PDB file of N, CA and C in Angstrom:
ATOM      1  N   MET A   1     -79.123  74.713 -20.000  1.00  0.00           N
ATOM      2  CA  MET A   1     -78.697  73.985 -21.509  1.00  0.00           C
ATOM      3  C   MET A   1     -77.548  74.523 -22.754  1.00  0.00           C
ATOM      4  N   ALA A   2     -77.076  74.249 -23.501  1.00  0.00           N
ATOM      5  CA  ALA A   2     -76.387  74.620 -23.915  1.00  0.00           C
ATOM      6  C   ALA A   2     -77.992  74.548 -25.659  1.00  0.00           C
ATOM      7  N   MET A   3     -77.435  76.631 -26.736  1.00  0.00           N
ATOM      8  CA  MET A   3     -77.676  75.995 -28.038  1.00  0.00           C
ATOM      9  C   MET A   3     -76.883  76.276 -28.644  1.00  0.00           C
ATOM     10  N   ASP A   4     -77.116  75.166 -29.317  1.00  0.00           N
ATOM     11  CA  ASP A   4     -76.418  74.916 -31.087  1.00  0.00           C
ATOM     12  C   ASP A   4     -76.790  76.035 -31.841  1.00  0.00           C
ATOM     13  N   VAL A   5     -76.341  76.299 -32.822  1.00  0.00           N
ATOM     14  CA  VAL A   5     -76.022  77.650 -34.041  1.00  0.00           C
ATOM     15  C   VAL A   5     -76.608  76.374 -34.979  1.00  0.00           C
ATOM     16  N   VAL A   6     -77.955  77.894 -35.118  1.00  0.00           N
ATOM     17  CA  VAL A   6     -78.674  77.064 -36.520  1.00  0.00           C
ATOM     18  C   VAL A   6     -78.073  77.005 -38.094  1.00  0.00           C
ATOM     19  N   ASP A   7     -78.094  75.957 -38.802  1.00  0.00           N
ATOM     20  CA  ASP A   7     -77.278  76.719 -40.189  1.00  0.00           C
ATOM     21  C   ASP A   7     -78.148  76.727 -40.692  1.00  0.00           C
ATOM     22  N   TYR A   8     -78.216  77.398 -41.796  1.00  0.00           N
ATOM     23  CA  TYR A   8     -79.793  78.476 -42.681  1.00  0.00           C
ATOM     24  C   TYR A   8     -78.875  79.394 -44.148  1.00  0.00           C
ATOM     25  N   GLU A   9     -79.309  79.575 -44.914  1.00  0.00           N
ATOM     26  CA  GLU A   9     -79.030  80.423 -46.276  1.00  0.00           C
ATOM     27  C   GLU A   9     -79.864  80.505 -46.463  1.00  0.00           C
ATOM     28  N   ILE A  10     -80.008  82.148 -46.653  1.00  0.00           N
ATOM     29  CA  ILE A  10     -80.666  83.116 -47.596  1.00  0.00           C
ATOM     30  C   ILE A  10     -80.742  82.920 -48.512  1.00  0.00           C
ATOM     31  N   LYS A  11     -81.392  82.873 -50.008  1.00  0.00           N
ATOM     32  CA  LYS A  11     -81.389  81.830 -51.008  1.00  0.00           C
ATOM     33  C   LYS A  11     -82.397  82.927 -51.765  1.00  0.00           C
ATOM     34  N   GLY A  12     -82.054  83.569 -53.208  1.00  0.00           N
ATOM     35  CA  GLY A  12     -83.337  84.284 -53.570  1.00  0.00           C
ATOM     36  C   GLY A  12     -82.842  85.409 -53.844  1.00  0.00           C
ATOM     37  N   ALA A  13     -83.801  85.608 -55.091  1.00  0.00           N
ATOM     38  CA  ALA A  13     -83.573  87.393 -55.174  1.00  0.00           C
ATOM     39  C   ALA A  13     -84.769  87.969 -54.726  1.00  0.00           C
ATOM     40  N   GLU A  14     -86.205  88.280 -56.378  1.00  0.00           N
ATOM     41  CA  GLU A  14     -87.960  88.658 -56.038  1.00  0.00           C
ATOM     42  C   GLU A  14     -88.336  87.577 -54.601  1.00  0.00           C
ATOM     43  N   MET A  15     -88.038  86.583 -55.467  1.00  0.00           N
ATOM     44  CA  MET A  15     -88.714  85.948 -54.078  1.00  0.00           C
ATOM     45  C   MET A  15     -88.108  85.127 -53.341  1.00  0.00           C
ATOM     46  N   GLN A  16     -87.524  85.874 -52.061  1.00  0.00           N
ATOM     47  CA  GLN A  16     -86.281  85.533 -51.513  1.00  0.00           C
ATOM     48  C   GLN A  16     -86.679  83.445 -49.977  1.00  0.00           C
ATOM     49  N   PHE A  17     -86.557  82.508 -50.264  1.00  0.00           N
ATOM     50  CA  PHE A  17     -86.384  81.731 -48.977  1.00  0.00           C
ATOM     51  C   PHE A  17     -85.162  81.784 -48.558  1.00  0.00           C
ATOM     52  N   VAL A  18     -84.980  80.817 -46.927  1.00  0.00           N
ATOM     53  CA  VAL A  18     -84.050  80.237 -46.195  1.00  0.00           C
ATOM     54  C   VAL A  18     -83.606  78.530 -46.090  1.00  0.00           C
ATOM     55  N   GLU A  19     -83.046  78.830 -46.760  1.00  0.00           N
ATOM     56  CA  GLU A  19     -82.877  77.201 -45.693  1.00  0.00           C
ATOM     57  C   GLU A  19     -82.121  76.749 -45.132  1.00  0.00           C
ATOM     58  N   ILE A  20     -82.492  76.034 -44.320  1.00  0.00           N
ATOM     59  CA  ILE A  20     -82.600  75.959 -43.078  1.00  0.00           C
ATOM     60  C   ILE A  20     -81.348  74.458 -42.507  1.00  0.00           C
ATOM     61  N   GLU A  21     -80.622  74.243 -43.272  1.00  0.00           N
ATOM     62  CA  GLU A  21     -80.485  72.334 -42.457  1.00  0.00           C
ATOM     63  C   GLU A  21     -79.953  71.842 -40.874  1.00  0.00           C
ATOM     64  N   LEU A  22     -80.957  71.448 -40.672  1.00  0.00           N
ATOM     65  CA  LEU A  22     -81.325  70.578 -38.859  1.00  0.00           C
ATOM     66  C   LEU A  22     -80.501  69.255 -39.446  1.00  0.00           C
ATOM     67  N   ASP A  23     -79.623  69.745 -38.093  1.00  0.00           N
ATOM     68  CA  ASP A  23     -78.918  69.032 -37.334  1.00  0.00           C
ATOM     69  C   ASP A  23     -80.087  66.749 -37.324  1.00  0.00           C
ATOM     70  N   PRO A  24     -79.955  66.101 -36.775  1.00  0.00           N
ATOM     71  CA  PRO A  24     -80.482  64.850 -35.863  1.00  0.00           C
ATOM     72  C   PRO A  24     -80.472  65.316 -34.931  1.00  0.00           C
ATOM     73  N   GLY A  25     -82.399  65.377 -34.974  1.00  0.00           N
ATOM     74  CA  GLY A  25     -82.540  65.193 -33.222  1.00  0.00           C
ATOM     75  C   GLY A  25     -83.396  66.832 -33.057  1.00  0.00           C
ATOM     76  N   GLU A  26     -82.940  67.840 -34.215  1.00  0.00           N
ATOM     77  CA  GLU A  26     -83.209  69.307 -33.782  1.00  0.00           C
ATOM     78  C   GLU A  26     -84.725  69.277 -35.099  1.00  0.00           C
ATOM     79  N   ALA A  27     -84.943  70.052 -34.083  1.00  0.00           N
ATOM     80  CA  ALA A  27     -86.707  70.947 -34.824  1.00  0.00           C
ATOM     81  C   ALA A  27     -86.837  72.458 -35.572  1.00  0.00           C
ATOM     82  N   ALA A  28     -87.861  72.018 -36.071  1.00  0.00           N
ATOM     83  CA  ALA A  28     -87.795  74.077 -36.476  1.00  0.00           C
ATOM     84  C   ALA A  28     -89.777  74.874 -36.480  1.00  0.00           C
ATOM     85  N   ILE A  29     -90.285  75.410 -36.083  1.00  0.00           N
ATOM     86  CA  ILE A  29     -91.833  75.737 -35.672  1.00  0.00           C
ATOM     87  C   ILE A  29     -91.053  77.259 -36.571  1.00  0.00           C
ATOM     88  N   GLY A  30     -92.294  76.375 -37.545  1.00  0.00           N
ATOM     89  CA  GLY A  30     -92.612  77.850 -38.612  1.00  0.00           C
ATOM     90  C   GLY A  30     -94.473  78.637 -38.584  1.00  0.00           C
ATOM     91  N   GLU A  31     -94.540  79.243 -39.236  1.00  0.00           N
ATOM     92  CA  GLU A  31     -96.116  79.374 -38.994  1.00  0.00           C
ATOM     93  C   GLU A  31     -96.743  78.834 -40.538  1.00  0.00           C
ATOM     94  N   ALA A  32     -98.117  78.920 -40.523  1.00  0.00           N
ATOM     95  CA  ALA A  32     -99.097  78.424 -41.426  1.00  0.00           C
ATOM     96  C   ALA A  32     -98.749  78.746 -42.373  1.00  0.00           C
ATOM     97  N   GLY A  33     -98.570  77.394 -43.961  1.00  0.00           N
ATOM     98  CA  GLY A  33     -98.445  78.268 -45.467  1.00  0.00           C
ATOM     99  C   GLY A  33     -97.041  78.106 -45.170  1.00  0.00           C
ATOM    100  N   SER A  34     -95.896  78.585 -44.820  1.00  0.00           N
ATOM    101  CA  SER A  34     -93.997  79.167 -45.365  1.00  0.00           C
ATOM    102  C   SER A  34     -93.687  77.158 -45.172  1.00  0.00           C
ATOM    103  N   MET A  35     -93.939  76.437 -45.390  1.00  0.00           N
ATOM    104  CA  MET A  35     -93.072  75.605 -46.208  1.00  0.00           C
ATOM    105  C   MET A  35     -93.279  75.441 -47.302  1.00  0.00           C
ATOM    106  N   PHE A  36     -92.459  75.461 -48.532  1.00  0.00           N
ATOM    107  CA  PHE A  36     -93.010  74.729 -49.767  1.00  0.00           C
ATOM    108  C   PHE A  36     -92.446  74.053 -50.126  1.00  0.00           C
ATOM    109  N   PHE A  37     -91.258  73.049 -49.631  1.00  0.00           N
ATOM    110  CA  PHE A  37     -90.353  72.210 -49.731  1.00  0.00           C
ATOM    111  C   PHE A  37     -89.780  71.209 -48.509  1.00  0.00           C
ATOM    112  N   MET A  38     -89.533  70.287 -48.940  1.00  0.00           N
ATOM    113  CA  MET A  38     -88.890  69.380 -47.780  1.00  0.00           C
ATOM    114  C   MET A  38     -88.562  68.361 -48.178  1.00  0.00           C
ATOM    115  N   ASP A  39     -87.112  67.996 -48.420  1.00  0.00           N
ATOM    116  CA  ASP A  39     -86.273  66.341 -48.236  1.00  0.00           C
ATOM    117  C   ASP A  39     -87.418  65.515 -48.047  1.00  0.00           C
ATOM    118  N   ALA A  40     -87.531  63.950 -48.790  1.00  0.00           N
ATOM    119  CA  ALA A  40     -88.158  63.241 -48.007  1.00  0.00           C
ATOM    120  C   ALA A  40     -87.623  62.180 -47.582  1.00  0.00           C
ATOM    121  N   ALA A  41     -86.360  63.109 -46.357  1.00  0.00           N
ATOM    122  CA  ALA A  41     -85.677  62.452 -44.894  1.00  0.00           C
ATOM    123  C   ALA A  41     -86.741  63.316 -44.150  1.00  0.00           C
ATOM    124  N   ILE A  42     -87.068  64.340 -43.678  1.00  0.00           N
ATOM    125  CA  ILE A  42     -87.444  65.205 -42.741  1.00  0.00           C
ATOM    126  C   ILE A  42     -89.114  64.407 -42.803  1.00  0.00           C
ATOM    127  N   SER A  43     -90.470  64.081 -41.952  1.00  0.00           N
ATOM    128  CA  SER A  43     -90.439  64.605 -40.983  1.00  0.00           C
ATOM    129  C   SER A  43     -91.890  65.603 -40.633  1.00  0.00           C
ATOM    130  N   MET A  44     -92.353  65.317 -40.735  1.00  0.00           N
ATOM    131  CA  MET A  44     -93.733  66.851 -40.376  1.00  0.00           C
ATOM    132  C   MET A  44     -94.126  66.757 -38.991  1.00  0.00           C
ATOM    133  N   ASP A  45     -94.589  67.641 -38.601  1.00  0.00           N
ATOM    134  CA  ASP A  45     -95.867  67.137 -37.181  1.00  0.00           C
ATOM    135  C   ASP A  45     -96.613  67.943 -37.521  1.00  0.00           C
ATOM    136  N   ALA A  46     -97.964  68.505 -37.457  1.00  0.00           N
ATOM    137  CA  ALA A  46     -98.379  69.506 -38.081  1.00  0.00           C
ATOM    138  C   ALA A  46     -99.735  69.929 -36.270  1.00  0.00           C
ATOM    139  N   VAL A  47     -99.566  71.041 -34.927  1.00  0.00           N
ATOM    140  CA  VAL A  47     -99.920  71.343 -33.845  1.00  0.00           C
ATOM    141  C   VAL A  47     -99.784  72.545 -33.452  1.00  0.00           C
ATOM    142  N   PHE A  48    -100.870  72.259 -32.584  1.00  0.00           N
ATOM    143  CA  PHE A  48    -101.097  73.551 -32.308  1.00  0.00           C
ATOM    144  C   PHE A  48    -100.637  74.711 -31.744  1.00  0.00           C
ATOM    145  N   GLY A  49    -100.285  75.765 -31.231  1.00  0.00           N
ATOM    146  CA  GLY A  49     -99.783  75.795 -30.504  1.00  0.00           C
ATOM    147  C   GLY A  49     -97.991  76.304 -30.749  1.00  0.00           C
ATOM    148  N   ASP A  50     -96.930  75.422 -29.915  1.00  0.00           N
ATOM    149  CA  ASP A  50     -95.806  76.235 -30.706  1.00  0.00           C
ATOM    150  C   ASP A  50     -95.758  74.747 -30.037  1.00  0.00           C
ATOM    151  N   GLY A  51     -96.109  73.301 -29.946  1.00  0.00           N
ATOM    152  CA  GLY A  51     -95.583  72.370 -29.964  1.00  0.00           C
ATOM    153  C   GLY A  51     -94.312  72.185 -28.648  1.00  0.00           C
ATOM    154  N   SER A  52     -94.398  73.319 -27.772  1.00  0.00           N
ATOM    155  CA  SER A  52     -93.799  72.633 -26.435  1.00  0.00           C
ATOM    156  C   SER A  52     -94.482  71.332 -25.522  1.00  0.00           C
ATOM    157  N   ALA A  53     -95.751  71.575 -25.577  1.00  0.00           N
ATOM    158  CA  ALA A  53     -96.278  70.532 -24.174  1.00  0.00           C
ATOM    159  C   ALA A  53     -97.482  70.782 -24.460  1.00  0.00           C
ATOM    160  N   ASN A  54     -98.168  69.430 -24.315  1.00  0.00           N
ATOM    161  CA  ASN A  54    -100.211  68.676 -23.945  1.00  0.00           C
ATOM    162  C   ASN A  54    -100.172  69.318 -24.672  1.00  0.00           C
ATOM    163  N   GLN A  55    -101.644  70.430 -25.202  1.00  0.00           N
ATOM    164  CA  GLN A  55    -102.416  71.548 -24.332  1.00  0.00           C
ATOM    165  C   GLN A  55    -103.421  71.726 -24.868  1.00  0.00           C
ATOM    166  N   GLY A  56    -103.116  70.395 -25.190  1.00  0.00           N
ATOM    167  CA  GLY A  56    -104.744  69.320 -24.813  1.00  0.00           C
ATOM    168  C   GLY A  56    -105.840  70.191 -26.559  1.00  0.00           C
ATOM    169  N   GLY A  57    -105.629  70.032 -27.573  1.00  0.00           N
ATOM    170  CA  GLY A  57    -105.837  68.966 -28.449  1.00  0.00           C
ATOM    171  C   GLY A  57    -106.380  70.458 -29.150  1.00  0.00           C
ATOM    172  N   PHE A  58    -107.118  70.762 -30.541  1.00  0.00           N
ATOM    173  CA  PHE A  58    -108.411  72.316 -30.348  1.00  0.00           C
ATOM    174  C   PHE A  58    -109.115  72.881 -29.848  1.00  0.00           C
ATOM    175  N   PHE A  59    -109.406  72.270 -28.495  1.00  0.00           N
ATOM    176  CA  PHE A  59    -110.824  72.803 -27.764  1.00  0.00           C
ATOM    177  C   PHE A  59    -109.803  73.870 -25.951  1.00  0.00           C
ATOM    178  N   GLY A  60    -108.286  73.432 -26.566  1.00  0.00           N
ATOM    179  CA  GLY A  60    -108.164  73.608 -24.786  1.00  0.00           C
ATOM    180  C   GLY A  60    -107.039  74.426 -25.437  1.00  0.00           C
ATOM    181  N   LYS A  61    -106.644  75.311 -27.014  1.00  0.00           N
ATOM    182  CA  LYS A  61    -106.310  76.692 -27.355  1.00  0.00           C
ATOM    183  C   LYS A  61    -107.399  77.352 -26.133  1.00  0.00           C
TER     184      LYS A  61
END
């Protein structure tokens, strides 16, 4: 499986952040509380674990 290059840019001085550009069908995984802005055209799903497989919900962890 070929890997795609992730388009990103580090911005800011005192409070740095990373701006990531996702292509259609791409996804990003982040820590809880790490996202502070999202474009209206992007949808977000909150899942337990890394999202790689159905892990049985909260009690499956």
